[in-house]
Amino acid sequence: MRRARDGYNYQPVPRVATEDALEYENERMAEELSGKISSLKDISIELGNEVRYQEKLLRGLDDDVDRSSGFLGKTMGRVLRLGKGNHNYYIFYLFLFAIFVFFLLYIVLKFR
């Protein structure tokens, strides 16, 4: 630390930045930026295509749900009309059918 006591100040060797070096650096950075911008453009185009495709799928799904709800409403109306009828044996037949199906599944799974 003798130099510091003697009043010696460190001064780095000055680098001379030429205009050509600065111009080359600017061009390189502009090319990198241009590549990044083109990548972002491609990504945004693909994103737009995906959004349009998903919107088309959702519209189709909405139409299917509307049709299904209409069909289900008609079916429920028929079931309610059937339940209001004088035939009270439908529940008994349904119960027997359920027992038959469970028995059939039991046999198939047990002797498999």
PDB file of N, CA and C in Angstrom:
ATOM      1  N   MET A   1       0.804  -1.183   0.000  1.00  0.00           N
ATOM      2  CA  MET A   1       0.000   0.000   0.000  1.00  0.00           C
ATOM      3  C   MET A   1       0.858   1.264   0.000  1.00  0.00           C
ATOM      4  N   ARG A   2       2.052   1.098  -0.364  1.00  0.00           N
ATOM      5  CA  ARG A   2       2.970   2.216  -0.406  1.00  0.00           C
ATOM      6  C   ARG A   2       2.550   3.233  -1.453  1.00  0.00           C
ATOM      7  N   ARG A   3       1.991   2.769  -2.545  1.00  0.00           N
ATOM      8  CA  ARG A   3       1.604   3.681  -3.602  1.00  0.00           C
ATOM      9  C   ARG A   3       0.463   4.590  -3.159  1.00  0.00           C
ATOM     10  N   ALA A   4      -0.460   4.047  -2.400  1.00  0.00           N
ATOM     11  CA  ALA A   4      -1.585   4.843  -1.949  1.00  0.00           C
ATOM     12  C   ALA A   4      -1.113   5.964  -1.019  1.00  0.00           C
ATOM     13  N   ARG A   5      -0.088   5.696  -0.242  1.00  0.00           N
ATOM     14  CA  ARG A   5       0.406   6.729   0.669  1.00  0.00           C
ATOM     15  C   ARG A   5       1.152   7.806  -0.075  1.00  0.00           C
ATOM     16  N   ASP A   6       1.732   7.449  -1.159  1.00  0.00           N
ATOM     17  CA  ASP A   6       2.534   8.424  -1.882  1.00  0.00           C
ATOM     18  C   ASP A   6       1.689   9.281  -2.816  1.00  0.00           C
ATOM     19  N   GLY A   7       0.349   9.127  -2.771  1.00  0.00           N
ATOM     20  CA  GLY A   7      -0.505   9.946  -3.627  1.00  0.00           C
ATOM     21  C   GLY A   7      -0.663   9.358  -5.019  1.00  0.00           C
ATOM     22  N   TYR A   8      -0.397   8.080  -5.166  1.00  0.00           N
ATOM     23  CA  TYR A   8      -0.550   7.436  -6.468  1.00  0.00           C
ATOM     24  C   TYR A   8      -2.015   7.064  -6.685  1.00  0.00           C
ATOM     25  N   ASN A   9      -2.620   7.543  -7.737  1.00  0.00           N
ATOM     26  CA  ASN A   9      -4.005   7.208  -8.084  1.00  0.00           C
ATOM     27  C   ASN A   9      -3.998   6.298  -9.300  1.00  0.00           C
ATOM     28  N   TYR A  10      -4.754   5.244  -9.212  1.00  0.00           N
ATOM     29  CA  TYR A  10      -4.828   4.291 -10.314  1.00  0.00           C
ATOM     30  C   TYR A  10      -5.695   4.867 -11.426  1.00  0.00           C
ATOM     31  N   GLN A  11      -5.199   4.843 -12.615  1.00  0.00           N
ATOM     32  CA  GLN A  11      -5.959   5.267 -13.777  1.00  0.00           C
ATOM     33  C   GLN A  11      -5.812   4.190 -14.836  1.00  0.00           C
ATOM     34  N   PRO A  12      -6.938   3.593 -15.254  1.00  0.00           N
ATOM     35  CA  PRO A  12      -6.848   2.540 -16.255  1.00  0.00           C
ATOM     36  C   PRO A  12      -6.448   3.109 -17.610  1.00  0.00           C
ATOM     37  N   VAL A  13      -5.929   2.227 -18.421  1.00  0.00           N
ATOM     38  CA  VAL A  13      -5.526   2.629 -19.758  1.00  0.00           C
ATOM     39  C   VAL A  13      -6.795   2.962 -20.540  1.00  0.00           C
ATOM     40  N   PRO A  14      -6.897   4.140 -21.101  1.00  0.00           N
ATOM     41  CA  PRO A  14      -8.126   4.502 -21.816  1.00  0.00           C
ATOM     42  C   PRO A  14      -8.301   3.662 -23.079  1.00  0.00           C
ATOM     43  N   ARG A  15      -9.551   3.227 -23.267  1.00  0.00           N
ATOM     44  CA  ARG A  15      -9.881   2.445 -24.461  1.00  0.00           C
ATOM     45  C   ARG A  15     -10.476   3.399 -25.478  1.00  0.00           C
ATOM     46  N   VAL A  16     -10.004   3.307 -26.648  1.00  0.00           N
ATOM     47  CA  VAL A  16     -10.493   4.175 -27.700  1.00  0.00           C
ATOM     48  C   VAL A  16     -11.618   3.442 -28.414  1.00  0.00           C
ATOM     49  N   ALA A  17     -12.825   3.978 -28.322  1.00  0.00           N
ATOM     50  CA  ALA A  17     -13.973   3.368 -28.976  1.00  0.00           C
ATOM     51  C   ALA A  17     -14.142   4.045 -30.323  1.00  0.00           C
ATOM     52  N   THR A  18     -13.909   3.292 -31.319  1.00  0.00           N
ATOM     53  CA  THR A  18     -14.028   3.869 -32.658  1.00  0.00           C
ATOM     54  C   THR A  18     -15.472   3.832 -33.101  1.00  0.00           C
ATOM     55  N   GLU A  19     -15.783   4.643 -34.057  1.00  0.00           N
ATOM     56  CA  GLU A  19     -17.144   4.704 -34.572  1.00  0.00           C
ATOM     57  C   GLU A  19     -17.521   3.390 -35.256  1.00  0.00           C
ATOM     58  N   ASP A  20     -16.553   2.753 -35.876  1.00  0.00           N
ATOM     59  CA  ASP A  20     -16.841   1.477 -36.551  1.00  0.00           C
ATOM     60  C   ASP A  20     -17.242   0.397 -35.552  1.00  0.00           C
ATOM     61  N   ALA A  21     -16.565   0.353 -34.425  1.00  0.00           N
ATOM     62  CA  ALA A  21     -16.894  -0.650 -33.413  1.00  0.00           C
ATOM     63  C   ALA A  21     -18.284  -0.395 -32.841  1.00  0.00           C
ATOM     64  N   LEU A  22     -18.602   0.875 -32.601  1.00  0.00           N
ATOM     65  CA  LEU A  22     -19.925   1.211 -32.086  1.00  0.00           C
ATOM     66  C   LEU A  22     -21.007   0.897 -33.118  1.00  0.00           C
ATOM     67  N   GLU A  23     -20.719   1.185 -34.372  1.00  0.00           N
ATOM     68  CA  GLU A  23     -21.684   0.903 -35.443  1.00  0.00           C
ATOM     69  C   GLU A  23     -21.899  -0.602 -35.580  1.00  0.00           C
ATOM     70  N   TYR A  24     -20.833  -1.372 -35.511  1.00  0.00           N
ATOM     71  CA  TYR A  24     -20.949  -2.833 -35.594  1.00  0.00           C
ATOM     72  C   TYR A  24     -21.787  -3.372 -34.427  1.00  0.00           C
ATOM     73  N   GLU A  25     -21.544  -2.856 -33.230  1.00  0.00           N
ATOM     74  CA  GLU A  25     -22.295  -3.295 -32.047  1.00  0.00           C
ATOM     75  C   GLU A  25     -23.778  -2.939 -32.184  1.00  0.00           C
ATOM     76  N   ASN A  26     -24.065  -1.747 -32.677  1.00  0.00           N
ATOM     77  CA  ASN A  26     -25.455  -1.342 -32.881  1.00  0.00           C
ATOM     78  C   ASN A  26     -26.151  -2.227 -33.911  1.00  0.00           C
ATOM     79  N   GLU A  27     -25.471  -2.549 -34.999  1.00  0.00           N
ATOM     80  CA  GLU A  27     -26.062  -3.414 -36.027  1.00  0.00           C
ATOM     81  C   GLU A  27     -26.328  -4.817 -35.497  1.00  0.00           C
ATOM     82  N   ARG A  28     -25.392  -5.343 -34.714  1.00  0.00           N
ATOM     83  CA  ARG A  28     -25.570  -6.665 -34.123  1.00  0.00           C
ATOM     84  C   ARG A  28     -26.774  -6.682 -33.182  1.00  0.00           C
ATOM     85  N   MET A  29     -26.907  -5.671 -32.358  1.00  0.00           N
ATOM     86  CA  MET A  29     -28.029  -5.595 -31.439  1.00  0.00           C
ATOM     87  C   MET A  29     -29.340  -5.390 -32.188  1.00  0.00           C
ATOM     88  N   ALA A  30     -29.317  -4.637 -33.282  1.00  0.00           N
ATOM     89  CA  ALA A  30     -30.528  -4.433 -34.086  1.00  0.00           C
ATOM     90  C   ALA A  30     -30.963  -5.749 -34.737  1.00  0.00           C
ATOM     91  N   GLU A  31     -30.005  -6.555 -35.203  1.00  0.00           N
ATOM     92  CA  GLU A  31     -30.334  -7.861 -35.784  1.00  0.00           C
ATOM     93  C   GLU A  31     -30.928  -8.794 -34.736  1.00  0.00           C
ATOM     94  N   GLU A  32     -30.371  -8.792 -33.525  1.00  0.00           N
ATOM     95  CA  GLU A  32     -30.928  -9.605 -32.443  1.00  0.00           C
ATOM     96  C   GLU A  32     -32.350  -9.171 -32.121  1.00  0.00           C
ATOM     97  N   LEU A  33     -32.565  -7.875 -32.053  1.00  0.00           N
ATOM     98  CA  LEU A  33     -33.892  -7.347 -31.771  1.00  0.00           C
ATOM     99  C   LEU A  33     -34.871  -7.698 -32.882  1.00  0.00           C
ATOM    100  N   SER A  34     -34.411  -7.636 -34.114  1.00  0.00           N
ATOM    101  CA  SER A  34     -35.262  -7.998 -35.254  1.00  0.00           C
ATOM    102  C   SER A  34     -35.659  -9.473 -35.187  1.00  0.00           C
ATOM    103  N   GLY A  35     -34.735 -10.337 -34.815  1.00  0.00           N
ATOM    104  CA  GLY A  35     -35.049 -11.761 -34.661  1.00  0.00           C
ATOM    105  C   GLY A  35     -36.063 -12.008 -33.562  1.00  0.00           C
ATOM    106  N   LYS A  36     -35.905 -11.294 -32.462  1.00  0.00           N
ATOM    107  CA  LYS A  36     -36.853 -11.451 -31.359  1.00  0.00           C
ATOM    108  C   LYS A  36     -38.234 -10.938 -31.749  1.00  0.00           C
ATOM    109  N   ILE A  37     -38.285  -9.839 -32.488  1.00  0.00           N
ATOM    110  CA  ILE A  37     -39.566  -9.294 -32.925  1.00  0.00           C
ATOM    111  C   ILE A  37     -40.258 -10.252 -33.879  1.00  0.00           C
ATOM    112  N   SER A  38     -39.507 -10.849 -34.800  1.00  0.00           N
ATOM    113  CA  SER A  38     -40.130 -11.806 -35.732  1.00  0.00           C
ATOM    114  C   SER A  38     -40.622 -13.043 -34.988  1.00  0.00           C
ATOM    115  N   SER A  39     -39.902 -13.468 -33.960  1.00  0.00           N
ATOM    116  CA  SER A  39     -40.368 -14.594 -33.150  1.00  0.00           C
ATOM    117  C   SER A  39     -41.664 -14.247 -32.433  1.00  0.00           C
ATOM    118  N   LEU A  40     -41.731 -13.054 -31.871  1.00  0.00           N
ATOM    119  CA  LEU A  40     -42.956 -12.617 -31.200  1.00  0.00           C
ATOM    120  C   LEU A  40     -44.120 -12.520 -32.179  1.00  0.00           C
ATOM    121  N   LYS A  41     -43.840 -12.080 -33.400  1.00  0.00           N
ATOM    122  CA  LYS A  41     -44.892 -11.987 -34.418  1.00  0.00           C
ATOM    123  C   LYS A  41     -45.427 -13.373 -34.751  1.00  0.00           C
ATOM    124  N   ASP A  42     -44.526 -14.336 -34.929  1.00  0.00           N
ATOM    125  CA  ASP A  42     -44.951 -15.707 -35.225  1.00  0.00           C
ATOM    126  C   ASP A  42     -45.783 -16.281 -34.083  1.00  0.00           C
ATOM    127  N   ILE A  43     -45.345 -16.037 -32.857  1.00  0.00           N
ATOM    128  CA  ILE A  43     -46.072 -16.546 -31.697  1.00  0.00           C
ATOM    129  C   ILE A  43     -47.457 -15.923 -31.615  1.00  0.00           C
ATOM    130  N   SER A  44     -47.554 -14.618 -31.871  1.00  0.00           N
ATOM    131  CA  SER A  44     -48.866 -13.960 -31.788  1.00  0.00           C
ATOM    132  C   SER A  44     -49.795 -14.450 -32.894  1.00  0.00           C
ATOM    133  N   ILE A  45     -49.274 -14.745 -34.083  1.00  0.00           N
ATOM    134  CA  ILE A  45     -50.101 -15.295 -35.160  1.00  0.00           C
ATOM    135  C   ILE A  45     -50.617 -16.676 -34.777  1.00  0.00           C
ATOM    136  N   GLU A  46     -49.748 -17.514 -34.247  1.00  0.00           N
ATOM    137  CA  GLU A  46     -50.165 -18.849 -33.814  1.00  0.00           C
ATOM    138  C   GLU A  46     -51.180 -18.768 -32.673  1.00  0.00           C
ATOM    139  N   LEU A  47     -50.995 -17.807 -31.786  1.00  0.00           N
ATOM    140  CA  LEU A  47     -51.939 -17.613 -30.687  1.00  0.00           C
ATOM    141  C   LEU A  47     -53.314 -17.217 -31.228  1.00  0.00           C
ATOM    142  N   GLY A  48     -53.341 -16.337 -32.209  1.00  0.00           N
ATOM    143  CA  GLY A  48     -54.607 -15.945 -32.822  1.00  0.00           C
ATOM    144  C   GLY A  48     -55.305 -17.115 -33.488  1.00  0.00           C
ATOM    145  N   ASN A  49     -54.530 -17.955 -34.190  1.00  0.00           N
ATOM    146  CA  ASN A  49     -55.113 -19.148 -34.818  1.00  0.00           C
ATOM    147  C   ASN A  49     -55.696 -20.085 -33.777  1.00  0.00           C
ATOM    148  N   GLU A  50     -54.987 -20.265 -32.676  1.00  0.00           N
ATOM    149  CA  GLU A  50     -55.470 -21.150 -31.611  1.00  0.00           C
ATOM    150  C   GLU A  50     -56.745 -20.596 -30.973  1.00  0.00           C
ATOM    151  N   VAL A  51     -56.789 -19.291 -30.780  1.00  0.00           N
ATOM    152  CA  VAL A  51     -57.983 -18.672 -30.192  1.00  0.00           C
ATOM    153  C   VAL A  51     -59.187 -18.872 -31.106  1.00  0.00           C
ATOM    154  N   ARG A  52     -58.994 -18.683 -32.419  1.00  0.00           N
ATOM    155  CA  ARG A  52     -60.101 -18.899 -33.356  1.00  0.00           C
ATOM    156  C   ARG A  52     -60.566 -20.352 -33.340  1.00  0.00           C
ATOM    157  N   TYR A  53     -59.632 -21.282 -33.277  1.00  0.00           N
ATOM    158  CA  TYR A  53     -59.988 -22.705 -33.240  1.00  0.00           C
ATOM    159  C   TYR A  53     -60.759 -23.035 -31.963  1.00  0.00           C
ATOM    160  N   GLN A  54     -60.284 -22.532 -30.816  1.00  0.00           N
ATOM    161  CA  GLN A  54     -60.959 -22.796 -29.543  1.00  0.00           C
ATOM    162  C   GLN A  54     -62.357 -22.165 -29.527  1.00  0.00           C
ATOM    163  N   GLU A  55     -62.497 -20.974 -30.131  1.00  0.00           N
ATOM    164  CA  GLU A  55     -63.798 -20.325 -30.191  1.00  0.00           C
ATOM    165  C   GLU A  55     -64.775 -21.158 -31.028  1.00  0.00           C
ATOM    166  N   LYS A  56     -64.278 -21.723 -32.118  1.00  0.00           N
ATOM    167  CA  LYS A  56     -65.114 -22.583 -32.964  1.00  0.00           C
ATOM    168  C   LYS A  56     -65.565 -23.818 -32.183  1.00  0.00           C
ATOM    169  N   LEU A  57     -64.654 -24.424 -31.432  1.00  0.00           N
ATOM    170  CA  LEU A  57     -65.001 -25.588 -30.618  1.00  0.00           C
ATOM    171  C   LEU A  57     -66.036 -25.238 -29.551  1.00  0.00           C
ATOM    172  N   LEU A  58     -65.863 -24.088 -28.912  1.00  0.00           N
ATOM    173  CA  LEU A  58     -66.803 -23.682 -27.867  1.00  0.00           C
ATOM    174  C   LEU A  58     -68.190 -23.395 -28.437  1.00  0.00           C
ATOM    175  N   ARG A  59     -68.240 -22.781 -29.626  1.00  0.00           N
ATOM    176  CA  ARG A  59     -69.547 -22.546 -30.253  1.00  0.00           C
ATOM    177  C   ARG A  59     -70.236 -23.870 -30.562  1.00  0.00           C
ATOM    178  N   GLY A  60     -69.476 -24.848 -31.073  1.00  0.00           N
ATOM    179  CA  GLY A  60     -70.042 -26.168 -31.343  1.00  0.00           C
ATOM    180  C   GLY A  60     -70.519 -26.845 -30.083  1.00  0.00           C
ATOM    181  N   LEU A  61     -69.745 -26.732 -29.012  1.00  0.00           N
ATOM    182  CA  LEU A  61     -70.128 -27.319 -27.731  1.00  0.00           C
ATOM    183  C   LEU A  61     -71.389 -26.664 -27.189  1.00  0.00           C
ATOM    184  N   ASP A  62     -71.491 -25.356 -27.333  1.00  0.00           N
ATOM    185  CA  ASP A  62     -72.687 -24.637 -26.880  1.00  0.00           C
ATOM    186  C   ASP A  62     -73.921 -25.108 -27.649  1.00  0.00           C
ATOM    187  N   ASP A  63     -73.778 -25.294 -28.952  1.00  0.00           N
ATOM    188  CA  ASP A  63     -74.900 -25.794 -29.752  1.00  0.00           C
ATOM    189  C   ASP A  63     -75.311 -27.199 -29.313  1.00  0.00           C
ATOM    190  N   ASP A  64     -74.318 -28.049 -29.048  1.00  0.00           N
ATOM    191  CA  ASP A  64     -74.616 -29.414 -28.600  1.00  0.00           C
ATOM    192  C   ASP A  64     -75.336 -29.417 -27.259  1.00  0.00           C
ATOM    193  N   VAL A  65     -74.913 -28.555 -26.346  1.00  0.00           N
ATOM    194  CA  VAL A  65     -75.552 -28.483 -25.031  1.00  0.00           C
ATOM    195  C   VAL A  65     -76.988 -27.989 -25.173  1.00  0.00           C
ATOM    196  N   ASP A  66     -77.209 -27.024 -26.045  1.00  0.00           N
ATOM    197  CA  ASP A  66     -78.574 -26.535 -26.260  1.00  0.00           C
ATOM    198  C   ASP A  66     -79.472 -27.649 -26.790  1.00  0.00           C
ATOM    199  N   ARG A  67     -78.960 -28.398 -27.759  1.00  0.00           N
ATOM    200  CA  ARG A  67     -79.752 -29.510 -28.298  1.00  0.00           C
ATOM    201  C   ARG A  67     -80.008 -30.580 -27.239  1.00  0.00           C
ATOM    202  N   SER A  68     -78.989 -30.876 -26.442  1.00  0.00           N
ATOM    203  CA  SER A  68     -79.141 -31.897 -25.399  1.00  0.00           C
ATOM    204  C   SER A  68     -80.140 -31.462 -24.334  1.00  0.00           C
ATOM    205  N   SER A  69     -80.100 -30.186 -23.977  1.00  0.00           N
ATOM    206  CA  SER A  69     -81.042 -29.733 -22.951  1.00  0.00           C
ATOM    207  C   SER A  69     -82.469 -29.795 -23.480  1.00  0.00           C
ATOM    208  N   GLY A  70     -82.680 -29.515 -24.762  1.00  0.00           N
ATOM    209  CA  GLY A  70     -84.021 -29.654 -25.336  1.00  0.00           C
ATOM    210  C   GLY A  70     -84.475 -31.101 -25.335  1.00  0.00           C
ATOM    211  N   PHE A  71     -83.580 -31.994 -25.719  1.00  0.00           N
ATOM    212  CA  PHE A  71     -83.899 -33.424 -25.735  1.00  0.00           C
ATOM    213  C   PHE A  71     -84.177 -33.932 -24.328  1.00  0.00           C
ATOM    214  N   LEU A  72     -83.364 -33.489 -23.358  1.00  0.00           N
ATOM    215  CA  LEU A  72     -83.555 -33.910 -21.976  1.00  0.00           C
ATOM    216  C   LEU A  72     -84.869 -33.378 -21.421  1.00  0.00           C
ATOM    217  N   GLY A  73     -85.228 -32.148 -21.779  1.00  0.00           N
ATOM    218  CA  GLY A  73     -86.502 -31.588 -21.328  1.00  0.00           C
ATOM    219  C   GLY A  73     -87.685 -32.389 -21.850  1.00  0.00           C
ATOM    220  N   LYS A  74     -87.627 -32.781 -23.124  1.00  0.00           N
ATOM    221  CA  LYS A  74     -88.708 -33.600 -23.687  1.00  0.00           C
ATOM    222  C   LYS A  74     -88.782 -34.960 -22.997  1.00  0.00           C
ATOM    223  N   THR A  75     -87.633 -35.553 -22.748  1.00  0.00           N
ATOM    224  CA  THR A  75     -87.596 -36.858 -22.100  1.00  0.00           C
ATOM    225  C   THR A  75     -88.151 -36.775 -20.678  1.00  0.00           C
ATOM    226  N   MET A  76     -87.767 -35.723 -19.951  1.00  0.00           N
ATOM    227  CA  MET A  76     -88.285 -35.574 -18.594  1.00  0.00           C
ATOM    228  C   MET A  76     -89.802 -35.372 -18.604  1.00  0.00           C
ATOM    229  N   GLY A  77     -90.302 -34.643 -19.596  1.00  0.00           N
ATOM    230  CA  GLY A  77     -91.745 -34.479 -19.721  1.00  0.00           C
ATOM    231  C   GLY A  77     -92.439 -35.813 -19.933  1.00  0.00           C
ATOM    232  N   ARG A  78     -91.866 -36.656 -20.762  1.00  0.00           N
ATOM    233  CA  ARG A  78     -92.443 -37.986 -20.999  1.00  0.00           C
ATOM    234  C   ARG A  78     -92.409 -38.837 -19.737  1.00  0.00           C
ATOM    235  N   VAL A  79     -91.293 -38.774 -18.999  1.00  0.00           N
ATOM    236  CA  VAL A  79     -91.175 -39.562 -17.766  1.00  0.00           C
ATOM    237  C   VAL A  79     -92.202 -39.091 -16.746  1.00  0.00           C
ATOM    238  N   LEU A  80     -92.379 -37.775 -16.637  1.00  0.00           N
ATOM    239  CA  LEU A  80     -93.376 -37.263 -15.687  1.00  0.00           C
ATOM    240  C   LEU A  80     -94.792 -37.663 -16.091  1.00  0.00           C
ATOM    241  N   ARG A  81     -95.070 -37.630 -17.398  1.00  0.00           N
ATOM    242  CA  ARG A  81     -96.392 -38.077 -17.857  1.00  0.00           C
ATOM    243  C   ARG A  81     -96.592 -39.552 -17.562  1.00  0.00           C
ATOM    244  N   LEU A  82     -95.539 -40.331 -17.730  1.00  0.00           N
ATOM    245  CA  LEU A  82     -95.615 -41.760 -17.461  1.00  0.00           C
ATOM    246  C   LEU A  82     -95.836 -42.004 -15.963  1.00  0.00           C
ATOM    247  N   GLY A  83     -95.171 -41.215 -15.133  1.00  0.00           N
ATOM    248  CA  GLY A  83     -95.325 -41.366 -13.685  1.00  0.00           C
ATOM    249  C   GLY A  83     -96.704 -40.967 -13.198  1.00  0.00           C
ATOM    250  N   LYS A  84     -97.357 -40.068 -13.875  1.00  0.00           N
ATOM    251  CA  LYS A  84     -98.680 -39.630 -13.462  1.00  0.00           C
ATOM    252  C   LYS A  84     -99.779 -40.582 -13.924  1.00  0.00           C
ATOM    253  N   GLY A  85     -99.422 -41.552 -14.748  1.00  0.00           N
ATOM    254  CA  GLY A  85    -100.418 -42.501 -15.253  1.00  0.00           C
ATOM    255  C   GLY A  85    -100.901 -43.449 -14.170  1.00  0.00           C
ATOM    256  N   ASN A  86    -101.830 -44.270 -14.516  1.00  0.00           N
ATOM    257  CA  ASN A  86    -102.424 -45.216 -13.570  1.00  0.00           C
ATOM    258  C   ASN A  86    -101.611 -46.494 -13.419  1.00  0.00           C
ATOM    259  N   HIS A  87    -100.553 -46.636 -14.188  1.00  0.00           N
ATOM    260  CA  HIS A  87     -99.749 -47.858 -14.127  1.00  0.00           C
ATOM    261  C   HIS A  87     -98.688 -47.711 -13.050  1.00  0.00           C
ATOM    262  N   ASN A  88     -98.912 -48.310 -11.913  1.00  0.00           N
ATOM    263  CA  ASN A  88     -97.980 -48.198 -10.791  1.00  0.00           C
ATOM    264  C   ASN A  88     -96.962 -49.331 -10.774  1.00  0.00           C
ATOM    265  N   TYR A  89     -97.000 -50.237 -11.728  1.00  0.00           N
ATOM    266  CA  TYR A  89     -96.091 -51.372 -11.747  1.00  0.00           C
ATOM    267  C   TYR A  89     -94.751 -51.052 -12.406  1.00  0.00           C
ATOM    268  N   TYR A  90     -94.573 -49.874 -12.965  1.00  0.00           N
ATOM    269  CA  TYR A  90     -93.310 -49.537 -13.633  1.00  0.00           C
ATOM    270  C   TYR A  90     -92.144 -49.534 -12.667  1.00  0.00           C
ATOM    271  N   ILE A  91     -92.348 -49.043 -11.473  1.00  0.00           N
ATOM    272  CA  ILE A  91     -91.269 -49.032 -10.479  1.00  0.00           C
ATOM    273  C   ILE A  91     -90.919 -50.457 -10.079  1.00  0.00           C
ATOM    274  N   PHE A  92     -91.909 -51.291  -9.947  1.00  0.00           N
ATOM    275  CA  PHE A  92     -91.668 -52.696  -9.612  1.00  0.00           C
ATOM    276  C   PHE A  92     -90.864 -53.375 -10.738  1.00  0.00           C
ATOM    277  N   TYR A  93     -91.245 -53.137 -11.999  1.00  0.00           N
ATOM    278  CA  TYR A  93     -90.509 -53.707 -13.133  1.00  0.00           C
ATOM    279  C   TYR A  93     -89.079 -53.173 -13.184  1.00  0.00           C
ATOM    280  N   LEU A  94     -88.903 -51.908 -12.902  1.00  0.00           N
ATOM    281  CA  LEU A  94     -87.567 -51.322 -12.879  1.00  0.00           C
ATOM    282  C   LEU A  94     -86.723 -51.946 -11.779  1.00  0.00           C
ATOM    283  N   PHE A  95     -87.309 -52.177 -10.626  1.00  0.00           N
ATOM    284  CA  PHE A  95     -86.604 -52.821  -9.519  1.00  0.00           C
ATOM    285  C   PHE A  95     -86.189 -54.237  -9.892  1.00  0.00           C
ATOM    286  N   LEU A  96     -87.088 -55.009 -10.507  1.00  0.00           N
ATOM    287  CA  LEU A  96     -86.750 -56.362 -10.937  1.00  0.00           C
ATOM    288  C   LEU A  96     -85.646 -56.360 -11.995  1.00  0.00           C
ATOM    289  N   PHE A  97     -85.696 -55.409 -12.912  1.00  0.00           N
ATOM    290  CA  PHE A  97     -84.657 -55.304 -13.932  1.00  0.00           C
ATOM    291  C   PHE A  97     -83.302 -55.009 -13.299  1.00  0.00           C
ATOM    292  N   ALA A  98     -83.275 -54.101 -12.318  1.00  0.00           N
ATOM    293  CA  ALA A  98     -82.022 -53.764 -11.643  1.00  0.00           C
ATOM    294  C   ALA A  98     -81.461 -54.977 -10.911  1.00  0.00           C
ATOM    295  N   ILE A  99     -82.316 -55.738 -10.239  1.00  0.00           N
ATOM    296  CA  ILE A  99     -81.858 -56.945  -9.547  1.00  0.00           C
ATOM    297  C   ILE A  99     -81.300 -57.949 -10.549  1.00  0.00           C
ATOM    298  N   PHE A 100     -81.959 -58.109 -11.685  1.00  0.00           N
ATOM    299  CA  PHE A 100     -81.493 -59.030 -12.719  1.00  0.00           C
ATOM    300  C   PHE A 100     -80.115 -58.612 -13.243  1.00  0.00           C
ATOM    301  N   VAL A 101     -79.927 -57.341 -13.502  1.00  0.00           N
ATOM    302  CA  VAL A 101     -78.633 -56.848 -14.014  1.00  0.00           C
ATOM    303  C   VAL A 101     -77.543 -57.066 -12.978  1.00  0.00           C
ATOM    304  N   PHE A 102     -77.795 -56.730 -11.712  1.00  0.00           N
ATOM    305  CA  PHE A 102     -76.784 -56.940 -10.673  1.00  0.00           C
ATOM    306  C   PHE A 102     -76.461 -58.421 -10.498  1.00  0.00           C
ATOM    307  N   PHE A 103     -77.463 -59.288 -10.578  1.00  0.00           N
ATOM    308  CA  PHE A 103     -77.244 -60.723 -10.473  1.00  0.00           C
ATOM    309  C   PHE A 103     -76.409 -61.216 -11.651  1.00  0.00           C
ATOM    310  N   LEU A 104     -76.705 -60.746 -12.851  1.00  0.00           N
ATOM    311  CA  LEU A 104     -75.948 -61.126 -14.033  1.00  0.00           C
ATOM    312  C   LEU A 104     -74.495 -60.664 -13.924  1.00  0.00           C
ATOM    313  N   LEU A 105     -74.270 -59.446 -13.457  1.00  0.00           N
ATOM    314  CA  LEU A 105     -72.903 -58.953 -13.254  1.00  0.00           C
ATOM    315  C   LEU A 105     -72.176 -59.757 -12.188  1.00  0.00           C
ATOM    316  N   TYR A 106     -72.882 -60.141 -11.139  1.00  0.00           N
ATOM    317  CA  TYR A 106     -72.274 -60.951 -10.080  1.00  0.00           C
ATOM    318  C   TYR A 106     -71.792 -62.285 -10.638  1.00  0.00           C
ATOM    319  N   ILE A 107     -72.615 -62.915 -11.451  1.00  0.00           N
ATOM    320  CA  ILE A 107     -72.242 -64.214 -12.026  1.00  0.00           C
ATOM    321  C   ILE A 107     -71.061 -64.062 -12.963  1.00  0.00           C
ATOM    322  N   VAL A 108     -71.093 -63.054 -13.801  1.00  0.00           N
ATOM    323  CA  VAL A 108     -70.005 -62.865 -14.773  1.00  0.00           C
ATOM    324  C   VAL A 108     -68.707 -62.572 -14.054  1.00  0.00           C
ATOM    325  N   LEU A 109     -68.715 -61.731 -13.047  1.00  0.00           N
ATOM    326  CA  LEU A 109     -67.479 -61.373 -12.353  1.00  0.00           C
ATOM    327  C   LEU A 109     -66.991 -62.480 -11.433  1.00  0.00           C
ATOM    328  N   LYS A 110     -67.887 -63.263 -10.872  1.00  0.00           N
ATOM    329  CA  LYS A 110     -67.466 -64.327  -9.941  1.00  0.00           C
ATOM    330  C   LYS A 110     -66.822 -65.488 -10.679  1.00  0.00           C
ATOM    331  N   PHE A 111     -67.358 -65.860 -11.827  1.00  0.00           N
ATOM    332  CA  PHE A 111     -66.869 -67.037 -12.532  1.00  0.00           C
ATOM    333  C   PHE A 111     -65.946 -66.665 -13.682  1.00  0.00           C
ATOM    334  N   ARG A 112     -65.390 -65.573 -13.651  1.00  0.00           N
ATOM    335  CA  ARG A 112     -64.490 -65.113 -14.688  1.00  0.00           C
ATOM    336  C   ARG A 112     -63.163 -65.738 -14.578  1.00  0.00           C
TER     337      ARG A 112
END
